[in-house]
């Protein structure tokens, strides 16, 4: 049967430890979650490394929104590599200019899979809090799912699901 398909934890300050716990669940057991909103949760590069690992090893997730987290260049690089390896799109929202309400949305990685990761522009090095090596260099296939399994569904607009959190 189908489990939870949409989870919004926006603004819950789960930080890196919470991101790691969610990533481990996604990698090991969840086969139904399609939309995960982790916007504004104080997730740093180390936590993003765990989410990048989950992106590499979870083929059901269609939308991961991690905007408004202190993600630096290292975290951005991890996300770029993860998205490129599974053909997912990576969209980055730049900070708004003085006369704008919202920043510009830029495609950092163009994917062909029905999966999109939304982030804000990288934080400056003073804002990031990376204390350990990023874990996404590992690749652990979830039980019962081959590592190369990639969703081949037709692409449609998942923007509404990603932004409704």
Protein backbone atom coordinates (compact mmCIF):
# COMPACT_ATOMS: atom_id res chain seq x y z
CA UNK A 1 0.00 0.00 0.00
CA UNK A 2 0.84 3.64 -0.28
CA UNK A 3 2.15 5.44 2.77
CA UNK A 4 2.60 9.16 3.32
CA UNK A 5 3.07 11.07 0.08
CA UNK A 6 3.44 14.66 1.35
CA UNK A 7 5.33 15.87 4.43
CA UNK A 8 5.83 19.52 5.38
CA UNK A 9 8.19 20.28 8.27
CA UNK A 10 8.70 23.93 7.31
CA UNK A 11 10.23 26.06 10.06
CA UNK A 12 10.73 23.29 12.64
CA UNK A 13 14.48 23.82 13.22
CA UNK A 14 15.30 20.16 12.56
CA UNK A 15 18.87 21.16 11.61
CA UNK A 16 21.50 18.67 10.40
CA UNK A 17 20.58 15.93 12.87
CA UNK A 18 16.96 15.95 11.73
CA UNK A 19 18.00 16.02 8.07
CA UNK A 20 20.17 12.97 8.68
CA UNK A 21 17.32 11.10 10.39
CA UNK A 22 14.94 11.87 7.52
CA UNK A 23 17.54 10.90 4.92
CA UNK A 24 18.19 7.57 6.65
CA UNK A 25 14.46 6.80 6.67
CA UNK A 26 14.15 7.69 2.99
CA UNK A 27 17.14 5.53 2.08
CA UNK A 28 16.18 2.47 4.10
CA UNK A 29 12.45 2.20 4.15
CA UNK A 30 10.25 4.85 2.59
CA UNK A 31 8.91 4.07 -0.85
CA UNK A 32 5.97 6.46 -0.99
CA UNK A 33 7.04 10.00 -0.05
CA UNK A 34 6.80 12.23 -3.12
CA UNK A 35 7.01 15.74 -1.62
CA UNK A 36 9.19 16.80 1.31
CA UNK A 37 9.20 20.41 2.50
CA UNK A 38 12.16 21.23 4.77
CA UNK A 39 12.19 24.98 4.13
CA UNK A 40 13.63 27.17 6.89
CA UNK A 41 14.99 24.40 9.12
CA UNK A 42 18.56 25.51 9.87
CA UNK A 43 19.99 22.68 7.73
CA UNK A 44 23.71 23.26 7.03
CA UNK A 45 26.07 21.68 4.48
CA UNK A 46 26.50 18.56 6.61
CA UNK A 47 22.73 17.98 6.73
CA UNK A 48 22.46 18.68 3.01
CA UNK A 49 25.11 16.00 2.43
CA UNK A 50 22.71 13.49 3.99
CA UNK A 51 19.83 14.77 1.86
CA UNK A 52 22.04 14.45 -1.24
CA UNK A 53 22.63 10.82 -0.27
CA UNK A 54 18.88 10.32 -0.04
CA UNK A 55 18.39 11.91 -3.48
CA UNK A 56 20.87 9.43 -4.92
CA UNK A 57 19.14 6.45 -3.31
CA UNK A 58 15.41 7.29 -3.31
CA UNK A 59 13.63 7.19 -6.66
CA UNK A 60 10.10 8.12 -5.55
CA UNK A 61 10.75 11.63 -4.17
CA UNK A 62 9.58 14.18 -6.74
CA UNK A 63 10.01 17.43 -4.81
CA UNK A 64 12.45 18.39 -2.07
CA UNK A 65 12.14 22.00 -0.90
CA UNK A 66 15.11 23.07 1.24
CA UNK A 67 14.92 26.82 0.65
CA UNK A 68 15.91 29.25 3.40
CA UNK A 69 18.51 27.01 5.02
CA UNK A 70 22.16 28.04 5.61
CA UNK A 71 23.50 25.98 2.72
CA UNK A 72 26.96 27.02 1.52
CA UNK A 73 28.97 26.25 -1.59
CA UNK A 74 29.93 22.76 -0.32
CA UNK A 75 26.29 21.85 0.18
CA UNK A 76 25.38 23.28 -3.21
CA UNK A 77 28.11 21.18 -4.83
CA UNK A 78 26.77 18.05 -3.11
CA UNK A 79 23.26 18.79 -4.36
CA UNK A 80 24.51 19.47 -7.91
CA UNK A 81 26.35 16.14 -7.98
CA UNK A 82 23.40 14.22 -6.52
CA UNK A 83 20.88 15.77 -8.90
CA UNK A 84 23.12 15.24 -11.92
CA UNK A 85 23.70 11.59 -10.98
CA UNK A 86 19.96 10.77 -10.86
CA UNK A 87 18.85 13.23 -13.57
CA UNK A 88 16.84 15.40 -11.16
CA UNK A 89 16.48 19.16 -11.58
CA UNK A 90 18.00 21.60 -9.10
CA UNK A 91 16.36 25.03 -8.91
CA UNK A 92 17.87 27.88 -6.91
CA UNK A 93 16.02 30.99 -5.74
CA UNK A 94 18.28 34.03 -5.58
CA UNK A 95 17.76 36.69 -2.90
CA UNK A 96 15.29 39.38 -4.06
CA UNK A 97 16.66 42.61 -5.40
CA UNK A 98 15.74 45.84 -3.64
CA UNK A 99 12.52 46.39 -5.62
CA UNK A 100 11.48 42.71 -5.88
CA UNK A 101 9.23 40.68 -3.62
CA UNK A 102 10.84 37.37 -4.60
CA UNK A 103 14.19 36.53 -6.14
CA UNK A 104 14.82 34.95 -9.51
CA UNK A 105 14.50 31.18 -9.95
CA UNK A 106 17.52 29.71 -11.74
CA UNK A 107 17.96 26.17 -13.03
CA UNK A 108 21.32 24.93 -11.73
CA UNK A 109 20.95 21.33 -12.96
CA UNK A 110 18.48 20.32 -15.65
CA UNK A 111 17.12 16.83 -15.11
CA UNK A 112 14.97 14.53 -17.18
CA UNK A 113 13.42 12.76 -14.24
CA UNK A 114 10.27 13.80 -12.42
CA UNK A 115 12.22 15.16 -9.46
CA UNK A 116 13.06 18.72 -8.47
CA UNK A 117 15.12 20.10 -5.57
CA UNK A 118 14.43 23.72 -4.58
CA UNK A 119 17.09 25.71 -2.69
CA UNK A 120 17.93 29.32 -1.89
CA UNK A 121 21.17 30.93 -3.02
CA UNK A 122 24.16 29.62 -1.02
CA UNK A 123 24.86 31.14 2.36
CA UNK A 124 28.11 32.93 2.95
CA UNK A 125 30.85 30.99 4.73
CA UNK A 126 30.10 32.88 7.96
CA UNK A 127 26.53 31.54 7.90
CA UNK A 128 27.38 27.88 7.36
CA UNK A 129 28.12 25.50 10.20
CA UNK A 130 29.80 22.45 8.69
CA UNK A 131 31.61 20.40 11.32
CA UNK A 132 32.01 16.99 9.69
CA UNK A 133 32.80 15.63 6.25
CA UNK A 134 29.74 15.48 4.02
CA UNK A 135 28.34 11.94 3.94
CA UNK A 136 27.01 11.83 0.38
CA UNK A 137 30.20 10.37 -1.06
CA UNK A 138 28.75 7.04 0.12
CA UNK A 139 26.08 5.34 -1.91
CA UNK A 140 23.92 2.85 -0.10
CA UNK A 141 21.16 1.29 -2.18
CA UNK A 142 17.92 0.82 -0.28
CA UNK A 143 16.95 -2.78 0.38
CA UNK A 144 15.02 -4.34 -2.49
CA UNK A 145 15.68 -1.48 -4.92
CA UNK A 146 18.52 -1.61 -7.46
CA UNK A 147 20.88 1.35 -7.35
CA UNK A 148 20.17 2.24 -10.97
CA UNK A 149 16.39 2.38 -10.53
CA UNK A 150 15.22 5.75 -11.82
CA UNK A 151 11.62 6.80 -12.28
CA UNK A 152 10.70 7.14 -15.94
CA UNK A 153 7.30 8.77 -15.56
CA UNK A 154 6.35 11.67 -17.81
CA UNK A 155 7.42 15.08 -16.59
CA UNK A 156 4.64 17.33 -15.33
CA UNK A 157 4.51 20.41 -13.15
CA UNK A 158 5.39 19.63 -9.53
CA UNK A 159 5.89 23.31 -8.69
CA UNK A 160 2.48 23.53 -6.99
CA UNK A 161 3.26 20.64 -4.64
CA UNK A 162 6.70 22.03 -3.84
CA UNK A 163 5.41 25.46 -3.00
CA UNK A 164 2.28 24.66 -1.07
CA UNK A 165 4.27 24.10 2.17
